[in-house]
Protein backbone atom coordinates (compact mmCIF):
# COMPACT_ATOMS: atom_id res chain seq x y z
CA MET A 1 -22.34 53.23 -87.33
CA PRO A 2 -23.37 56.31 -85.30
CA ILE A 3 -24.97 55.67 -81.97
CA ARG A 4 -28.47 57.06 -81.76
CA PRO A 5 -29.38 58.72 -78.46
CA THR A 6 -31.80 56.61 -76.49
CA ARG A 7 -35.19 57.94 -75.43
CA PHE A 8 -33.84 58.18 -71.88
CA ALA A 9 -30.90 60.28 -72.99
CA PHE A 10 -33.16 62.54 -74.99
CA GLY A 11 -35.51 62.82 -72.00
CA ALA A 12 -32.65 63.74 -69.66
CA ARG A 13 -31.49 66.48 -72.03
CA TYR A 14 -35.04 67.74 -72.32
CA VAL A 15 -35.53 67.80 -68.56
CA GLY A 16 -32.20 69.59 -68.10
CA ALA A 17 -33.09 72.22 -70.68
CA LEU A 18 -36.53 72.66 -69.11
CA ALA A 19 -35.00 73.09 -65.64
CA ALA A 20 -32.60 75.72 -66.99
CA LEU A 21 -35.49 77.52 -68.65
CA MET A 22 -37.48 77.48 -65.41
CA LEU A 23 -34.53 78.97 -63.52
CA MET A 24 -34.29 81.72 -66.13
CA VAL A 25 -38.00 82.46 -65.73
CA ILE A 26 -37.68 82.57 -61.92
CA SER A 27 -34.68 84.89 -62.16
CA ALA A 28 -36.53 87.14 -64.58
CA ARG A 29 -39.51 87.31 -62.24
CA ALA A 30 -37.28 88.22 -59.30
CA ALA A 31 -35.64 90.92 -61.39
CA ASP A 32 -39.06 92.29 -62.38
CA ALA A 33 -40.38 92.31 -58.81
CA VAL A 34 -41.64 95.67 -57.56
CA PHE A 35 -40.49 96.56 -54.05
CA PRO A 36 -42.68 98.99 -52.11
CA THR A 37 -40.66 101.97 -50.92
CA GLY A 38 -38.61 100.98 -47.89
CA SER A 39 -39.45 97.28 -48.10
CA ARG A 40 -37.04 94.39 -48.65
CA VAL A 41 -39.93 92.29 -49.94
CA GLY A 42 -41.55 92.62 -53.35
CA ILE A 43 -43.65 90.83 -55.93
CA VAL A 44 -44.63 91.17 -59.56
CA PRO A 45 -48.09 92.73 -59.03
CA PRO A 46 -50.93 91.58 -61.25
CA PRO A 47 -52.15 93.99 -63.94
CA GLY A 48 -54.50 96.50 -62.34
CA MET A 49 -52.77 96.73 -58.95
CA VAL A 50 -50.47 99.58 -58.00
CA GLN A 51 -48.29 100.32 -55.00
CA SER A 52 -50.43 101.38 -52.07
CA ARG A 53 -50.00 104.69 -50.29
CA ASN A 54 -51.77 103.34 -47.21
CA PHE A 55 -49.81 100.18 -46.45
CA VAL A 56 -46.80 98.16 -47.59
CA GLY A 57 -48.16 96.33 -50.59
CA PHE A 58 -50.35 96.75 -53.65
CA GLU A 59 -53.99 97.50 -54.25
CA ASP A 60 -56.75 98.11 -56.76
CA PRO A 61 -58.92 100.65 -54.90
CA GLN A 62 -61.68 100.51 -57.50
CA LYS A 63 -62.17 96.79 -56.99
CA ASN A 64 -61.25 96.70 -53.28
CA ALA A 65 -58.52 94.15 -53.97
CA ALA A 66 -55.22 94.21 -52.13
CA ILE A 67 -51.93 92.42 -51.41
CA LEU A 68 -50.26 93.23 -48.09
CA LEU A 69 -46.58 92.44 -47.43
CA THR A 70 -45.40 91.97 -43.84
CA THR A 71 -41.98 91.01 -42.48
CA LEU A 72 -41.42 89.31 -39.14
CA PRO A 73 -38.40 87.89 -37.28
CA ALA A 74 -37.01 84.61 -38.64
CA GLN A 75 -38.17 82.66 -35.58
CA ALA A 76 -41.78 83.61 -36.28
CA TYR A 77 -41.97 81.03 -39.08
CA ASP A 78 -42.18 78.00 -36.79
CA SER A 79 -44.80 79.70 -34.65
CA LEU A 80 -46.96 80.59 -37.66
CA ASP A 81 -46.48 77.10 -39.10
CA LYS A 82 -48.05 75.66 -35.95
CA SER A 83 -50.76 78.26 -35.40
CA MET A 84 -52.02 78.95 -38.92
CA VAL A 85 -54.10 75.79 -39.25
CA PRO A 86 -57.69 75.63 -40.57
CA GLN A 87 -59.28 75.23 -37.15
CA ALA A 88 -57.48 78.23 -35.66
CA MET A 89 -58.02 80.40 -38.76
CA SER A 90 -61.74 79.67 -38.64
CA LYS A 91 -61.93 81.34 -35.24
CA ASN A 92 -60.58 84.48 -36.89
CA GLY A 93 -63.20 84.39 -39.61
CA VAL A 94 -61.08 82.81 -42.34
CA GLU A 95 -62.54 79.60 -43.77
CA VAL A 96 -59.55 77.71 -45.14
CA GLY A 97 -60.26 75.54 -48.14
CA LYS A 98 -56.71 74.28 -48.54
CA ARG A 99 -53.31 74.47 -46.87
CA GLU A 100 -50.27 73.30 -48.79
CA PRO A 101 -46.48 73.42 -48.52
CA ILE A 102 -44.68 75.33 -51.27
CA GLN A 103 -41.09 75.94 -52.33
CA LEU A 104 -40.15 79.44 -53.43
CA GLY A 105 -36.95 80.86 -54.80
CA ILE A 106 -36.34 82.55 -51.44
CA GLY A 107 -37.02 79.45 -49.32
CA LYS A 108 -39.69 77.13 -48.00
CA GLY A 109 -43.21 78.20 -47.15
CA PHE A 110 -46.85 77.27 -46.97
CA LEU A 111 -50.00 78.69 -48.54
CA LEU A 112 -53.53 78.88 -47.22
CA THR A 113 -56.42 79.61 -49.56
CA GLY A 114 -59.98 80.23 -48.48
CA THR A 115 -62.64 82.88 -47.94
CA GLN A 116 -63.53 85.54 -45.41
CA THR A 117 -66.57 87.78 -44.99
CA ILE A 118 -65.82 91.36 -43.98
CA ASN A 119 -68.65 93.89 -43.55
CA SER A 120 -71.05 91.66 -45.49
CA THR A 121 -68.61 91.32 -48.43
CA ARG A 122 -67.23 87.86 -49.14
CA TYR A 123 -63.57 87.77 -50.18
CA ARG A 124 -61.33 85.13 -51.66
CA LYS A 125 -58.26 85.01 -49.44
CA TRP A 126 -54.63 83.91 -49.79
CA LEU A 127 -52.16 83.72 -46.90
CA LEU A 128 -48.57 82.95 -47.84
CA VAL A 129 -45.88 82.44 -45.19
CA ALA A 130 -42.25 82.05 -46.29
CA ALA A 131 -38.93 81.57 -44.52
CA ALA A 132 -36.55 84.06 -46.12
CA GLY A 133 -33.14 83.93 -44.49
CA ASN A 134 -33.08 86.28 -41.50
CA MET A 135 -36.79 87.03 -41.63
CA THR A 136 -40.24 85.57 -42.15
CA VAL A 137 -42.50 86.99 -44.84
CA LEU A 138 -46.29 87.02 -44.56
CA VAL A 139 -48.26 87.91 -47.69
CA THR A 140 -51.99 88.51 -47.32
CA ALA A 141 -54.09 88.89 -50.46
CA GLN A 142 -57.82 89.32 -50.84
CA VAL A 143 -60.22 89.90 -53.73
CA PRO A 144 -64.04 90.23 -53.67
CA ASP A 145 -65.49 86.80 -54.35
CA GLN A 146 -67.48 87.85 -57.41
CA ASP A 147 -64.66 89.85 -59.02
CA ALA A 148 -63.43 88.25 -62.25
CA ALA A 149 -60.51 90.66 -62.78
CA TYR A 150 -58.26 88.65 -60.46
CA PRO A 151 -58.90 84.92 -61.02
CA ASP A 152 -57.37 82.35 -58.68
CA LYS A 153 -54.59 81.40 -61.10
CA THR A 154 -53.51 85.03 -61.53
CA MET A 155 -53.32 85.56 -57.79
CA ARG A 156 -51.48 82.32 -57.18
CA ASP A 157 -48.96 83.10 -59.93
CA THR A 158 -48.46 86.53 -58.36
CA LEU A 159 -47.65 85.04 -54.96
CA MET A 160 -45.07 82.76 -56.56
CA THR A 161 -43.09 85.83 -57.70
CA LEU A 162 -42.29 86.77 -54.08
CA ALA A 163 -38.75 88.15 -53.95
CA VAL A 164 -36.44 89.54 -51.27
CA ARG A 165 -33.63 92.03 -51.77
CA ASP A 166 -30.54 92.09 -49.55
CA SER A 167 -31.08 95.62 -48.34
CA VAL A 168 -33.02 98.81 -48.92
CA PRO A 169 -30.97 101.65 -50.45
CA ASP A 170 -30.16 104.46 -48.00
CA ALA A 171 -31.80 107.06 -50.23
CA GLU A 172 -35.01 105.07 -50.28
CA GLN A 173 -35.13 104.78 -46.49
CA LEU A 174 -34.33 108.46 -46.09
CA SER A 175 -37.21 109.33 -48.41
CA LEU A 176 -39.60 108.00 -45.76
CA MET A 177 -38.34 110.37 -43.08
CA PRO A 178 -40.03 113.69 -42.17
CA PHE A 179 -36.63 115.35 -42.58
CA THR A 180 -33.81 115.43 -45.11
CA ILE A 181 -30.07 114.91 -44.53
CA GLY A 182 -27.86 116.92 -46.85
CA ASP A 183 -24.54 115.45 -45.69
CA MET A 184 -24.31 111.81 -44.56
CA ALA A 185 -20.58 112.36 -43.76
CA GLY A 186 -19.80 108.72 -44.56
CA PHE A 187 -22.51 107.27 -42.32
CA HIS A 188 -24.95 104.62 -43.54
CA VAL A 189 -28.52 103.78 -42.58
CA ASP A 190 -28.64 100.82 -40.19
CA GLU A 191 -32.31 100.87 -39.16
CA ALA A 192 -35.29 103.04 -39.93
CA LEU A 193 -38.75 103.63 -38.52
CA PRO A 194 -40.66 105.15 -41.47
CA GLY A 195 -42.02 108.58 -40.75
CA ARG A 196 -40.25 108.96 -37.45
CA ALA A 197 -36.63 107.91 -36.85
CA LEU A 198 -33.49 106.23 -38.14
CA MET A 199 -30.12 104.98 -36.93
CA LEU A 200 -26.95 105.85 -38.82
CA VAL A 201 -23.70 103.93 -38.25
CA ASP A 202 -20.04 104.17 -39.09
CA ARG A 203 -18.56 100.69 -38.92
CA ALA A 204 -15.08 100.26 -37.49
CA ALA A 205 -12.41 99.15 -39.95
CA ASP A 206 -11.77 96.00 -37.93
CA ALA A 207 -15.45 95.07 -37.63
CA GLY A 208 -15.75 92.46 -40.36
CA ALA A 209 -15.27 88.78 -40.88
CA ASP A 210 -12.73 88.55 -38.06
CA SER A 211 -15.10 90.05 -35.53
CA VAL A 212 -17.92 87.76 -36.64
CA SER A 213 -15.61 84.80 -36.26
CA ASP A 214 -14.59 85.98 -32.82
CA ALA A 215 -18.23 86.29 -31.84
CA ASN A 216 -18.91 82.73 -32.94
CA LYS A 217 -15.92 81.43 -31.04
CA SER A 218 -16.65 83.29 -27.83
CA GLN A 219 -18.06 80.59 -25.60
CA SER A 220 -16.12 81.12 -22.36
CA SER A 221 -18.18 80.99 -19.19
CA ASP A 222 -16.64 84.14 -17.70
CA GLY A 223 -17.79 86.24 -20.65
CA LYS A 224 -14.39 87.85 -21.34
CA ASP A 225 -14.10 86.49 -24.87
CA GLN A 226 -17.70 87.45 -25.54
CA SER A 227 -17.06 91.02 -24.40
CA LYS A 228 -13.92 91.23 -26.55
CA ALA A 229 -15.80 90.08 -29.64
CA GLN A 230 -18.61 92.55 -28.98
CA SER A 231 -16.03 95.30 -28.62
CA LYS A 232 -14.52 94.52 -32.03
CA ASN A 233 -17.97 94.31 -33.61
CA MET A 234 -19.13 97.62 -32.15
CA PRO A 235 -19.48 100.50 -34.64
CA LYS A 236 -17.05 103.39 -34.29
CA ALA A 237 -20.04 105.67 -34.07
CA ARG A 238 -23.79 105.58 -34.34
CA LEU A 239 -26.25 108.44 -34.60
CA PHE A 240 -29.93 108.18 -33.72
CA ILE A 241 -32.17 110.84 -35.28
CA ALA A 242 -35.85 111.15 -34.44
CA ALA A 243 -38.60 113.69 -35.10
CA MET A 244 -40.68 113.81 -31.94
CA PRO A 245 -43.95 115.58 -31.09
CA GLY A 246 -44.27 117.90 -28.13
CA GLY A 247 -41.38 119.40 -26.21
CA PRO A 248 -41.11 122.29 -23.74
CA SER A 249 -43.20 125.33 -24.52
CA GLU A 250 -41.03 127.68 -22.47
CA PRO A 251 -37.28 128.25 -23.06
CA ASP A 252 -36.60 128.03 -19.34
CA ASP A 253 -37.85 124.44 -19.30
CA ARG A 254 -35.44 123.18 -21.97
CA SER A 255 -32.57 122.37 -19.62
CA THR A 256 -34.74 120.08 -17.48
CA PHE A 257 -36.30 118.56 -20.59
CA ALA A 258 -32.87 117.84 -22.09
CA ARG A 259 -31.73 116.16 -18.88
CA THR A 260 -34.84 113.97 -18.82
CA THR A 261 -34.50 112.84 -22.43
CA PHE A 262 -30.79 112.16 -21.95
CA GLU A 263 -31.50 109.92 -18.96
CA ARG A 264 -33.73 107.77 -21.19
CA ILE A 265 -30.96 106.91 -23.66
CA ILE A 266 -30.52 103.13 -23.68
CA GLY A 267 -27.37 101.10 -24.28
CA ILE A 268 -25.05 103.08 -22.01
CA LYS A 269 -24.08 102.91 -18.34
CA ASP A 270 -21.81 104.63 -15.79
CA VAL A 271 -22.78 107.96 -17.32
CA GLN A 272 -20.90 111.10 -16.29
CA VAL A 273 -22.26 114.32 -17.79
CA GLU A 274 -19.42 116.67 -18.75
CA ASP A 275 -21.30 119.59 -20.27
CA ALA A 276 -24.88 120.73 -20.86
CA GLU A 277 -25.80 124.03 -22.45
CA PRO A 278 -28.16 125.71 -24.91
CA LEU A 279 -26.97 126.45 -28.46
CA ARG A 280 -28.29 127.30 -31.91
CA ILE A 281 -28.73 124.43 -34.36
CA GLY A 282 -29.73 125.26 -37.90
CA ASN A 283 -30.92 128.73 -36.88
CA GLN A 284 -33.21 127.18 -34.28
CA SER A 285 -33.02 126.94 -30.52
CA GLY A 286 -31.28 123.81 -29.32
CA PHE A 287 -29.55 122.14 -26.43
CA GLU A 288 -26.36 120.08 -26.26
CA THR A 289 -25.45 117.49 -23.64
CA LEU A 290 -22.01 115.80 -23.58
CA ALA A 291 -21.03 112.85 -21.40
CA LYS A 292 -18.67 109.93 -21.05
CA ALA A 293 -20.00 106.45 -20.35
CA LYS A 294 -19.58 102.76 -21.09
CA ASP A 295 -21.32 100.66 -23.70
CA VAL A 296 -23.64 98.21 -21.94
CA GLN A 297 -22.87 95.18 -24.10
CA SER A 298 -19.13 95.51 -24.63
CA ASN A 299 -18.15 97.62 -21.61
CA VAL A 300 -16.14 99.83 -23.99
CA ASP A 301 -15.54 103.47 -23.06
CA VAL A 302 -17.74 105.76 -25.15
CA LYS A 303 -18.56 109.42 -25.51
CA VAL A 304 -22.18 110.46 -25.86
CA VAL A 305 -23.67 113.62 -27.29
CA GLN A 306 -27.33 114.57 -27.40
CA TRP A 307 -28.60 117.45 -29.49
CA LEU A 308 -32.16 118.69 -29.24
CA ARG A 309 -33.45 121.11 -31.86
CA PHE A 310 -36.74 122.74 -30.91
CA GLY A 311 -39.43 123.70 -33.38
CA THR A 312 -43.11 124.48 -33.50
CA GLY A 313 -45.14 121.58 -32.14
CA GLY A 314 -42.20 119.19 -31.90
CA PHE A 315 -38.46 118.72 -31.62
CA LEU A 316 -35.63 116.81 -33.27
CA GLN A 317 -33.56 114.51 -31.06
CA MET A 318 -30.08 113.47 -32.20
CA VAL A 319 -28.01 111.09 -30.08
CA GLY A 320 -24.46 110.17 -31.04
CA ILE A 321 -22.59 107.35 -29.30
CA VAL A 322 -18.91 107.10 -30.23
CA ARG A 323 -16.06 104.86 -29.11
CA ALA A 324 -13.87 107.06 -26.94
CA ASP A 325 -10.78 106.30 -29.02
CA ALA A 326 -12.51 107.65 -32.15
CA TRP A 327 -14.16 110.70 -30.61
CA GLN A 328 -12.00 113.45 -32.15
CA THR A 329 -12.70 112.53 -35.77
CA GLU A 330 -16.21 111.15 -35.36
CA PHE A 331 -17.54 114.16 -33.44
CA ASN A 332 -16.87 116.48 -36.39
CA ARG A 333 -18.66 114.08 -38.71
CA LEU A 334 -21.64 113.89 -36.36
CA ARG A 335 -21.86 117.67 -36.39
CA ALA A 336 -21.73 117.69 -40.18
CA VAL A 337 -24.78 115.43 -40.30
CA ARG A 338 -26.52 117.45 -37.59
CA ASP A 339 -26.06 120.76 -39.38
CA SER A 340 -27.34 119.36 -42.70
CA ILE A 341 -30.73 118.18 -41.40
CA ASP A 342 -33.80 120.08 -42.60
CA ALA A 343 -37.51 119.49 -42.07
CA LYS A 344 -39.49 118.51 -45.17
């Protein structure tokens, strides 16, 4: 006689299938998330909202509704968890109706819902804080109180689609710069300040899992093991590129200006300038400064080059810091990047 499944067995299968379905839905939402240009954080925006040109997030300008995405250091989560309480938020004009813990696909978080009056307009407000690996995400959403286009459920469902990507593609970060780079010469974007500057790096072949392990193991009181680990983890070369306003108005002042900007370079010590002279860069007036020094953190010998390219109303600063043992090959690659940079 066949054994009929009990109600419990059927229920367990049902729950398992439902859980699998929910995971599929969450994965689909993460895949559908829209990431503002240059941002690691994205959501599935509600119908009617588009990516903002004024801030990192989404907006419906016609209805004065918006969702702002902000990233903070990982340690900020605990601080916000303690400070974003109804009493404190009230002092900032936000009347919190409810605060609740939530669990997202990217990690734990909490959500505050309430209202705020800004310039005589009353808004419904949502403040979502989430711990997302190596950063904290703050999502601020607001909709005019009387607006029916974005009901509470729609906005809440939108916040639940919060997703984080591992990194921002180099091309996307470069698109935010006021200049273009025609030849990356094997370098990759490490950090970027939209509209102003970025750091390119060339990682050493031995800077990988072994170096991370060494860094974790380096606990000696004299700091020798720590310095060794930092040395292994140090990039072979890094190139800082920034579009800066101002600069010397007279050619005769460029030598002094170059010396001053070079002295402000951080991360190096025991600097010995070897050469400093004007030169042409990309058919524009420029200045090159070469020096040897030591890396502050690892005490490794490095070579440093600063190129300044002068233009109308501003200048381009390029600073390359290279491990001395890699200088011959890396210097040519740095120049390839330098010579391929054009203003937009």
